[in-house]
C-alpha atoms as a PDB file:
ATOM      1  CA  MET A   1     -10.121 -16.337  -6.015  1.00  0.00           C
ATOM      2  CA  ALA A   2      -8.528 -17.506  -3.497  1.00  0.00           C
ATOM      3  CA  GLU A   3      -9.121 -16.785   0.338  1.00  0.00           C
ATOM      4  CA  THR A   4      -6.829 -15.199   2.846  1.00  0.00           C
ATOM      5  CA  TYR A   5      -7.209 -14.238   6.511  1.00  0.00           C
ATOM      6  CA  ILE A   6      -6.921 -10.153   7.634  1.00  0.00           C
ATOM      7  CA  GLY A   7      -6.332  -9.459  10.905  1.00  0.00           C
ATOM      8  CA  GLY A   8      -6.428  -6.549  13.546  1.00  0.00           C
ATOM      9  CA  PHE A   9      -9.932  -4.482  14.241  1.00  0.00           C
ATOM     10  CA  HIS A  10      -9.148  -1.770  12.140  1.00  0.00           C
ATOM     11  CA  ALA A  11      -8.572  -4.064   9.050  1.00  0.00           C
ATOM     12  CA  VAL A  12     -11.466  -5.943   9.920  1.00  0.00           C
ATOM     13  CA  ILE A  13     -13.806  -3.526  10.634  1.00  0.00           C
ATOM     14  CA  ALA A  14     -12.766  -1.795   7.011  1.00  0.00           C
ATOM     15  CA  ALA A  15     -13.561  -4.975   5.360  1.00  0.00           C
ATOM     16  CA  LEU A  16     -16.912  -5.062   6.528  1.00  0.00           C
ATOM     17  CA  GLU A  17     -17.770  -1.324   5.965  1.00  0.00           C
ATOM     18  CA  ASP A  18     -16.244  -2.208   2.141  1.00  0.00           C
ATOM     19  CA  GLY A  19     -19.092  -2.339  -0.292  1.00  0.00           C
ATOM     20  CA  GLU A  20     -17.079  -4.609  -2.838  1.00  0.00           C
ATOM     21  CA  ARG A  21     -16.056  -7.620  -0.794  1.00  0.00           C
ATOM     22  CA  LYS A  22     -17.157  -8.839   2.571  1.00  0.00           C
ATOM     23  CA  PRO A  23     -15.580 -11.323   4.822  1.00  0.00           C
ATOM     24  CA  ARG A  24     -17.124 -15.040   4.648  1.00  0.00           C
ATOM     25  CA  GLU A  25     -16.919 -15.239   8.211  1.00  0.00           C
ATOM     26  CA  ILE A  26     -15.018 -13.612  11.186  1.00  0.00           C
ATOM     27  CA  LEU A  27     -13.078 -15.357  13.960  1.00  0.00           C
ATOM     28  CA  LEU A  28     -12.958 -13.631  17.241  1.00  0.00           C
ATOM     29  CA  SER A  29     -11.015 -14.246  20.688  1.00  0.00           C
ATOM     30  CA  ASP A  30     -13.832 -15.692  23.311  1.00  0.00           C
ATOM     31  CA  THR A  31     -11.717 -13.697  25.728  1.00  0.00           C
ATOM     32  CA  ARG A  32     -12.404 -10.092  23.932  1.00  0.00           C
ATOM     33  CA  LYS A  33     -15.086  -8.263  25.353  1.00  0.00           C
ATOM     34  CA  ASP A  34     -13.993  -4.810  25.184  1.00  0.00           C
ATOM     35  CA  GLN A  35     -15.502  -1.577  23.150  1.00  0.00           C
ATOM     36  CA  ARG A  36     -13.837  -2.247  19.460  1.00  0.00           C
ATOM     37  CA  ALA A  37     -15.033  -6.086  19.637  1.00  0.00           C
ATOM     38  CA  GLN A  38     -18.795  -4.730  20.511  1.00  0.00           C
ATOM     39  CA  ARG A  39     -18.585  -2.365  17.601  1.00  0.00           C
ATOM     40  CA  MET A  40     -17.077  -4.803  15.344  1.00  0.00           C
ATOM     41  CA  LEU A  41     -19.926  -7.329  16.199  1.00  0.00           C
ATOM     42  CA  GLU A  42     -22.381  -4.682  15.512  1.00  0.00           C
ATOM     43  CA  ILE A  43     -21.079  -3.827  12.138  1.00  0.00           C
ATOM     44  CA  ALA A  44     -20.903  -7.526  11.339  1.00  0.00           C
ATOM     45  CA  ALA A  45     -24.499  -8.302  12.763  1.00  0.00           C
ATOM     46  CA  LYS A  46     -25.772  -4.951  10.263  1.00  0.00           C
ATOM     47  CA  ALA A  47     -23.388  -6.878   7.237  1.00  0.00           C
ATOM     48  CA  LYS A  48     -24.869 -10.278   8.206  1.00  0.00           C
ATOM     49  CA  VAL A  49     -21.686 -11.691   8.390  1.00  0.00           C
ATOM     50  CA  THR A  50     -21.197 -14.676  10.698  1.00  0.00           C
ATOM     51  CA  VAL A  51     -18.884 -14.203  13.719  1.00  0.00           C
ATOM     52  CA  ARG A  52     -17.409 -17.406  15.299  1.00  0.00           C
ATOM     53  CA  ASN A  53     -15.717 -17.381  18.684  1.00  0.00           C
ATOM     54  CA  VAL A  54     -12.515 -19.273  18.974  1.00  0.00           C
ATOM     55  CA  GLY A  55      -9.714 -19.503  21.136  1.00  0.00           C
ATOM     56  CA  ARG A  56      -6.384 -17.375  20.460  1.00  0.00           C
ATOM     57  CA  ASP A  57      -4.385 -20.857  19.655  1.00  0.00           C
ATOM     58  CA  THR A  58      -7.030 -21.436  16.613  1.00  0.00           C
ATOM     59  CA  LEU A  59      -6.528 -17.687  15.537  1.00  0.00           C
ATOM     60  CA  ASP A  60      -2.555 -18.272  15.958  1.00  0.00           C
ATOM     61  CA  LEU A  61      -3.070 -21.285  13.815  1.00  0.00           C
ATOM     62  CA  TYR A  62      -5.096 -19.559  11.115  1.00  0.00           C
ATOM     63  CA  ALA A  63      -2.488 -16.650  10.695  1.00  0.00           C
ATOM     64  CA  PRO A  64       0.830 -17.772  12.337  1.00  0.00           C
ATOM     65  CA  GLY A  65       3.057 -14.777  13.054  1.00  0.00           C
ATOM     66  CA  LEU A  66       0.138 -12.069  12.351  1.00  0.00           C
ATOM     67  CA  LYS A  67      -0.459  -9.950  15.141  1.00  0.00           C
ATOM     68  CA  HIS A  68      -4.202 -10.358  14.882  1.00  0.00           C
ATOM     69  CA  GLN A  69      -5.367  -8.349  18.124  1.00  0.00           C
ATOM     70  CA  GLY A  70      -7.859 -11.506  19.026  1.00  0.00           C
ATOM     71  CA  VAL A  71      -9.672 -11.055  15.734  1.00  0.00           C
ATOM     72  CA  LEU A  72      -9.500 -12.554  12.150  1.00  0.00           C
ATOM     73  CA  ALA A  73     -11.830 -12.171   8.780  1.00  0.00           C
ATOM     74  CA  ALA A  74     -11.517 -14.524   6.101  1.00  0.00           C
ATOM     75  CA  ILE A  75     -11.952 -12.544   3.002  1.00  0.00           C
ATOM     76  CA  GLU A  76     -11.238 -13.219  -0.839  1.00  0.00           C
ATOM     77  CA  ALA A  77      -7.702 -12.149  -1.601  1.00  0.00           C
ATOM     78  CA  ALA A  78      -7.199  -9.330  -4.006  1.00  0.00           C
ATOM     79  CA  GLY A  79      -4.436 -10.100  -5.246  1.00  0.00           C
ATOM     80  CA  VAL A  80      -1.625  -8.392  -7.296  1.00  0.00           C
ATOM     81  CA  VAL A  81      -2.739  -7.654 -10.806  1.00  0.00           C
ATOM     82  CA  GLY A  82      -1.525  -8.149 -14.189  1.00  0.00           C
ATOM     83  CA  GLU A  83       0.502  -5.416 -15.777  1.00  0.00           C
ATOM     84  CA  ASP A  84      -1.956  -4.919 -18.354  1.00  0.00           C
ATOM     85  CA  VAL A  85      -3.549  -2.575 -15.654  1.00  0.00           C
ATOM     86  CA  LEU A  86      -1.087  -0.209 -16.561  1.00  0.00           C
ATOM     87  CA  ASP A  87      -1.736   0.099 -20.304  1.00  0.00           C
ATOM     88  CA  VAL A  88      -4.538   2.708 -20.251  1.00  0.00           C
ATOM     89  CA  PRO A  89      -3.803   6.541 -21.442  1.00  0.00           C
ATOM     90  CA  ALA A  90      -1.897   8.924 -19.386  1.00  0.00           C
ATOM     91  CA  THR A  91      -4.612  11.062 -18.596  1.00  0.00           C
ATOM     92  CA  ALA A  92      -3.691  14.147 -16.457  1.00  0.00           C
ATOM     93  CA  ASP A  93      -5.378  12.686 -13.329  1.00  0.00           C
ATOM     94  CA  ARG A  94      -3.138   9.656 -13.154  1.00  0.00           C
ATOM     95  CA  MET A  95      -0.715   9.095 -10.583  1.00  0.00           C
ATOM     96  CA  ILE A  96       1.206   6.056  -9.955  1.00  0.00           C
ATOM     97  CA  LEU A  97       3.375   5.115  -6.982  1.00  0.00           C
ATOM     98  CA  ALA A  98       6.288   2.680  -8.023  1.00  0.00           C
ATOM     99  CA  LEU A  99       8.397   1.111  -4.584  1.00  0.00           C
ATOM    100  CA  ASP A 100      11.708   0.042  -5.311  1.00  0.00           C
ATOM    101  CA  GLY A 101      12.288  -3.205  -3.253  1.00  0.00           C
ATOM    102  CA  VAL A 102      10.366  -2.201  -0.169  1.00  0.00           C
ATOM    103  CA  GLN A 103      10.694  -5.132   2.415  1.00  0.00           C
ATOM    104  CA  ASP A 104       8.820  -3.943   5.511  1.00  0.00           C
ATOM    105  CA  PRO A 105       5.287  -5.336   5.545  1.00  0.00           C
ATOM    106  CA  HIS A 106       4.350  -2.529   7.693  1.00  0.00           C
ATOM    107  CA  ASN A 107       5.920   0.193   5.549  1.00  0.00           C
ATOM    108  CA  LEU A 108       4.002  -1.298   2.471  1.00  0.00           C
ATOM    109  CA  GLY A 109       0.931  -1.420   4.178  1.00  0.00           C
ATOM    110  CA  ALA A 110       1.454   2.367   5.160  1.00  0.00           C
ATOM    111  CA  CYS A 111       2.079   3.304   1.685  1.00  0.00           C
ATOM    112  CA  LEU A 112      -1.002   1.548   0.707  1.00  0.00           C
ATOM    113  CA  ARG A 113      -3.092   3.647   3.263  1.00  0.00           C
ATOM    114  CA  SER A 114      -1.634   6.997   2.049  1.00  0.00           C
ATOM    115  CA  ALA A 115      -1.741   6.082  -1.903  1.00  0.00           C
ATOM    116  CA  GLU A 116      -5.554   5.496  -1.195  1.00  0.00           C
ATOM    117  CA  ALA A 117      -6.169   8.688   0.705  1.00  0.00           C
ATOM    118  CA  VAL A 118      -4.725  10.611  -2.231  1.00  0.00           C
ATOM    119  CA  GLY A 119      -6.291   8.632  -4.976  1.00  0.00           C
ATOM    120  CA  VAL A 120      -3.006   6.820  -6.548  1.00  0.00           C
ATOM    121  CA  SER A 121      -4.260   4.948  -9.537  1.00  0.00           C
ATOM    122  CA  ALA A 122      -2.017   2.014  -8.802  1.00  0.00           C
ATOM    123  CA  ILE A 123       0.879   0.864  -6.950  1.00  0.00           C
ATOM    124  CA  ILE A 124       3.864  -1.087  -8.592  1.00  0.00           C
ATOM    125  CA  ILE A 125       6.402  -3.695  -6.727  1.00  0.00           C
ATOM    126  CA  PRO A 126       8.859  -5.945  -7.976  1.00  0.00           C
ATOM    127  CA  LYS A 127       8.185  -9.387  -8.054  1.00  0.00           C
ATOM    128  CA  ASP A 128      11.586 -10.122  -6.125  1.00  0.00           C
ATOM    129  CA  ARG A 129      13.597  -8.782  -3.508  1.00  0.00           C
ATOM    130  CA  ALA A 130      10.298  -6.850  -1.947  1.00  0.00           C
ATOM    131  CA  VAL A 131       7.576  -7.630  -0.113  1.00  0.00           C
ATOM    132  CA  GLY A 132       4.388  -8.700  -1.648  1.00  0.00           C
ATOM    133  CA  LEU A 133       0.592  -8.684  -0.449  1.00  0.00           C
ATOM    134  CA  THR A 134       1.265 -10.596   2.608  1.00  0.00           C
ATOM    135  CA  PRO A 135      -1.228 -10.634   5.672  1.00  0.00           C
ATOM    136  CA  ALA A 136       0.631  -8.545   7.519  1.00  0.00           C
ATOM    137  CA  VAL A 137       0.659  -6.195   4.478  1.00  0.00           C
ATOM    138  CA  ARG A 138      -2.917  -6.265   4.400  1.00  0.00           C
ATOM    139  CA  MET A 139      -3.259  -5.806   8.234  1.00  0.00           C
ATOM    140  CA  ALA A 140      -1.184  -2.500   8.175  1.00  0.00           C
ATOM    141  CA  ALA A 141      -3.320  -1.558   4.947  1.00  0.00           C
ATOM    142  CA  ALA A 142      -6.482  -1.472   6.992  1.00  0.00           C
ATOM    143  CA  GLY A 143      -8.395  -2.197   4.006  1.00  0.00           C
ATOM    144  CA  SER A 144      -6.621  -0.300   1.446  1.00  0.00           C
ATOM    145  CA  ALA A 145      -4.634  -3.365  -0.210  1.00  0.00           C
ATOM    146  CA  GLU A 146      -8.483  -4.604  -1.087  1.00  0.00           C
ATOM    147  CA  ARG A 147      -8.937  -1.223  -2.747  1.00  0.00           C
ATOM    148  CA  VAL A 148      -5.704  -0.046  -4.313  1.00  0.00           C
ATOM    149  CA  PRO A 149      -4.399  -2.316  -7.272  1.00  0.00           C
ATOM    150  CA  VAL A 150      -1.220  -3.553  -6.572  1.00  0.00           C
ATOM    151  CA  VAL A 151       1.288  -4.562  -9.819  1.00  0.00           C
ATOM    152  CA  ALA A 152       4.001  -6.667  -9.327  1.00  0.00           C
ATOM    153  CA  VAL A 153       6.693  -6.457 -12.263  1.00  0.00           C
ATOM    154  CA  THR A 154       9.604  -8.502 -13.265  1.00  0.00           C
ATOM    155  CA  ASN A 155      11.462  -5.626 -14.324  1.00  0.00           C
ATOM    156  CA  LEU A 156      10.928  -2.010 -12.550  1.00  0.00           C
ATOM    157  CA  THR A 157      13.079  -0.320 -14.988  1.00  0.00           C
ATOM    158  CA  ARG A 158      11.543  -1.611 -17.902  1.00  0.00           C
ATOM    159  CA  THR A 159       7.914  -0.879 -16.526  1.00  0.00           C
ATOM    160  CA  LEU A 160       9.165   2.589 -15.796  1.00  0.00           C
ATOM    161  CA  GLU A 161      10.594   2.929 -19.635  1.00  0.00           C
ATOM    162  CA  LYS A 162       7.081   1.883 -20.650  1.00  0.00           C
ATOM    163  CA  LEU A 163       4.795   4.210 -18.735  1.00  0.00           C
ATOM    164  CA  LYS A 164       7.232   7.041 -20.004  1.00  0.00           C
ATOM    165  CA  GLY A 165       6.384   6.158 -23.600  1.00  0.00           C
ATOM    166  CA  LEU A 166       2.690   6.219 -22.491  1.00  0.00           C
ATOM    167  CA  GLY A 167       3.154  10.063 -21.453  1.00  0.00           C
ATOM    168  CA  TYR A 168       4.002   9.627 -17.710  1.00  0.00           C
ATOM    169  CA  TRP A 169       6.404  11.699 -16.121  1.00  0.00           C
ATOM    170  CA  ILE A 170       8.643   9.784 -13.801  1.00  0.00           C
ATOM    171  CA  THR A 171      10.014  11.463 -10.817  1.00  0.00           C
ATOM    172  CA  GLY A 172      12.350   9.488  -8.200  1.00  0.00           C
ATOM    173  CA  LEU A 173      13.088  10.559  -4.593  1.00  0.00           C
ATOM    174  CA  ALA A 174      16.702  10.997  -3.899  1.00  0.00           C
ATOM    175  CA  GLY A 175      18.411  12.424  -1.063  1.00  0.00           C
ATOM    176  CA  GLU A 176      21.517  13.739  -3.225  1.00  0.00           C
ATOM    177  CA  ALA A 177      19.247  15.357  -5.794  1.00  0.00           C
ATOM    178  CA  GLU A 178      19.385  19.213  -6.331  1.00  0.00           C
ATOM    179  CA  ASP A 179      15.664  19.827  -6.593  1.00  0.00           C
ATOM    180  CA  SER A 180      13.449  20.048  -3.710  1.00  0.00           C
ATOM    181  CA  ILE A 181       9.768  18.228  -3.952  1.00  0.00           C
ATOM    182  CA  TYR A 182       8.535  21.819  -3.803  1.00  0.00           C
ATOM    183  CA  ASP A 183      10.487  22.820  -6.891  1.00  0.00           C
ATOM    184  CA  ILE A 184       8.908  19.943  -8.994  1.00  0.00           C
ATOM    185  CA  ASP A 185       5.968  20.226 -10.856  1.00  0.00           C
ATOM    186  CA  PHE A 186       3.789  17.270  -9.801  1.00  0.00           C
ATOM    187  CA  THR A 187       0.645  17.982 -12.011  1.00  0.00           C
ATOM    188  CA  GLY A 188      -0.294  15.812 -15.100  1.00  0.00           C
ATOM    189  CA  PRO A 189       0.170  12.264 -15.425  1.00  0.00           C
ATOM    190  CA  LEU A 190       2.932  11.161 -12.701  1.00  0.00           C
ATOM    191  CA  VAL A 191       4.792   8.099 -11.567  1.00  0.00           C
ATOM    192  CA  LEU A 192       6.509   9.005  -8.195  1.00  0.00           C
ATOM    193  CA  VAL A 193       9.233   6.148  -7.414  1.00  0.00           C
ATOM    194  CA  MET A 194      10.464   5.620  -3.884  1.00  0.00           C
ATOM    195  CA  GLY A 195      13.196   3.531  -2.991  1.00  0.00           C
ATOM    196  CA  GLY A 196      13.790   0.437  -0.672  1.00  0.00           C
ATOM    197  CA  GLU A 197      14.481   0.844   3.274  1.00  0.00           C
ATOM    198  CA  ALA A 198      18.284  -0.244   2.785  1.00  0.00           C
ATOM    199  CA  GLU A 199      19.790   1.171  -0.355  1.00  0.00           C
ATOM    200  CA  GLY A 200      17.072   3.913  -1.549  1.00  0.00           C
ATOM    201  CA  LEU A 201      16.522   4.064  -5.450  1.00  0.00           C
ATOM    202  CA  ARG A 202      18.801   1.440  -7.150  1.00  0.00           C
ATOM    203  CA  ARG A 203      21.123   2.855  -9.675  1.00  0.00           C
ATOM    204  CA  LEU A 204      19.220   1.676 -12.516  1.00  0.00           C
ATOM    205  CA  THR A 205      15.852   3.032 -11.480  1.00  0.00           C
ATOM    206  CA  ALA A 206      17.140   6.283 -10.861  1.00  0.00           C
ATOM    207  CA  GLU A 207      18.644   6.447 -14.159  1.00  0.00           C
ATOM    208  CA  THR A 208      15.316   5.744 -15.614  1.00  0.00           C
ATOM    209  CA  CYS A 209      13.936   8.682 -13.967  1.00  0.00           C
ATOM    210  CA  ASP A 210      13.157  11.971 -15.860  1.00  0.00           C
ATOM    211  CA  ARG A 211      13.746  13.831 -12.792  1.00  0.00           C
ATOM    212  CA  LEU A 212      14.985  13.477  -9.011  1.00  0.00           C
ATOM    213  CA  ALA A 213      13.743  15.501  -6.229  1.00  0.00           C
ATOM    214  CA  ARG A 214      14.233  15.626  -2.227  1.00  0.00           C
ATOM    215  CA  ILE A 215      12.610  16.143   0.650  1.00  0.00           C
ATOM    216  CA  PRO A 216      14.220  19.057   2.475  1.00  0.00           C
ATOM    217  CA  MET A 217      15.095  18.363   5.807  1.00  0.00           C
ATOM    218  CA  VAL A 218      17.211  20.221   8.802  1.00  0.00           C
ATOM    219  CA  GLY A 219      18.797  18.730  11.828  1.00  0.00           C
ATOM    220  CA  ARG A 220      21.411  15.527  11.596  1.00  0.00           C
ATOM    221  CA  ILE A 221      18.855  13.195  10.344  1.00  0.00           C
ATOM    222  CA  GLU A 222      20.109  11.376   6.597  1.00  0.00           C
ATOM    223  CA  SER A 223      16.454  10.115   5.741  1.00  0.00           C
ATOM    224  CA  LEU A 224      12.813   9.504   6.561  1.00  0.00           C
ATOM    225  CA  ASN A 225      11.253   6.291   6.741  1.00  0.00           C
ATOM    226  CA  VAL A 226       9.995   5.139   3.308  1.00  0.00           C
ATOM    227  CA  SER A 227       6.622   5.121   4.162  1.00  0.00           C
ATOM    228  CA  VAL A 228       6.966   8.725   5.847  1.00  0.00           C
ATOM    229  CA  ALA A 229       8.625  10.038   2.846  1.00  0.00           C
ATOM    230  CA  ALA A 230       6.168   8.456   0.524  1.00  0.00           C
ATOM    231  CA  ALA A 231       3.301  10.131   2.208  1.00  0.00           C
ATOM    232  CA  VAL A 232       5.183  13.288   2.537  1.00  0.00           C
ATOM    233  CA  CYS A 233       5.589  13.234  -1.532  1.00  0.00           C
ATOM    234  CA  LEU A 234       2.246  12.160  -2.274  1.00  0.00           C
ATOM    235  CA  TYR A 235       0.673  14.909  -0.212  1.00  0.00           C
ATOM    236  CA  GLU A 236       2.714  17.543  -1.819  1.00  0.00           C
ATOM    237  CA  ALA A 237       1.638  16.022  -5.263  1.00  0.00           C
ATOM    238  CA  PHE A 238      -1.990  15.825  -3.904  1.00  0.00           C
ATOM    239  CA  ARG A 239      -1.754  19.711  -3.145  1.00  0.00           C
ATOM    240  CA  GLN A 240      -0.558  20.674  -6.305  1.00  0.00           C
ATOM    241  CA  ARG A 241      -2.807  18.513  -8.310  1.00  0.00           C
ATOM    242  CA  SER A 242      -6.054  19.970  -6.311  1.00  0.00           C
END
């Protein structure tokens, strides 16, 4: 399996504490002596993971452009999985999050964290015109990118049609929808579809959904950040399904 680097103390500590895949080694800036560094060193020692002190320029070389906070971990990359992971019975406990063109790595990372927190079975993203599992996404996801299956698909609407045929209800979030998320039944096999930052749900994606819902809002704001909106909807679904 290919190797990648994740950065940031939260993400590195999460990787150390994750039972499935431990980092091969950790690179720590030789100037870091704060509490987070000490905690990370203690956990790495218990996990028997080597920590190598290096200069910040070395960290920048291994992960250019990544805000690594002075620490990187070399880890087996849990890349996107094949579409066959979706070919399973649509049981009542299965919930899938589909993201229609999210391009900001911090938004995808935040969506992964919320998805893991509520037990989402998989996240679907398009292969084109959307961010993939970049180091910045992994850092923002703080370990969730290693634990939630991410499926990159060539044609999102075709994938949603396939999931319909398997018995899922497809619910898209759209500001112009008549029904509020509090009017929608989120129980049973569910695919929740969120639009991208710029355009929201694309027309064909919206037309493929069984139903559309909106987040009720007051004031003059027109929409929420996609990762915030995803968290709101996922937790309403989680509340109902609990």
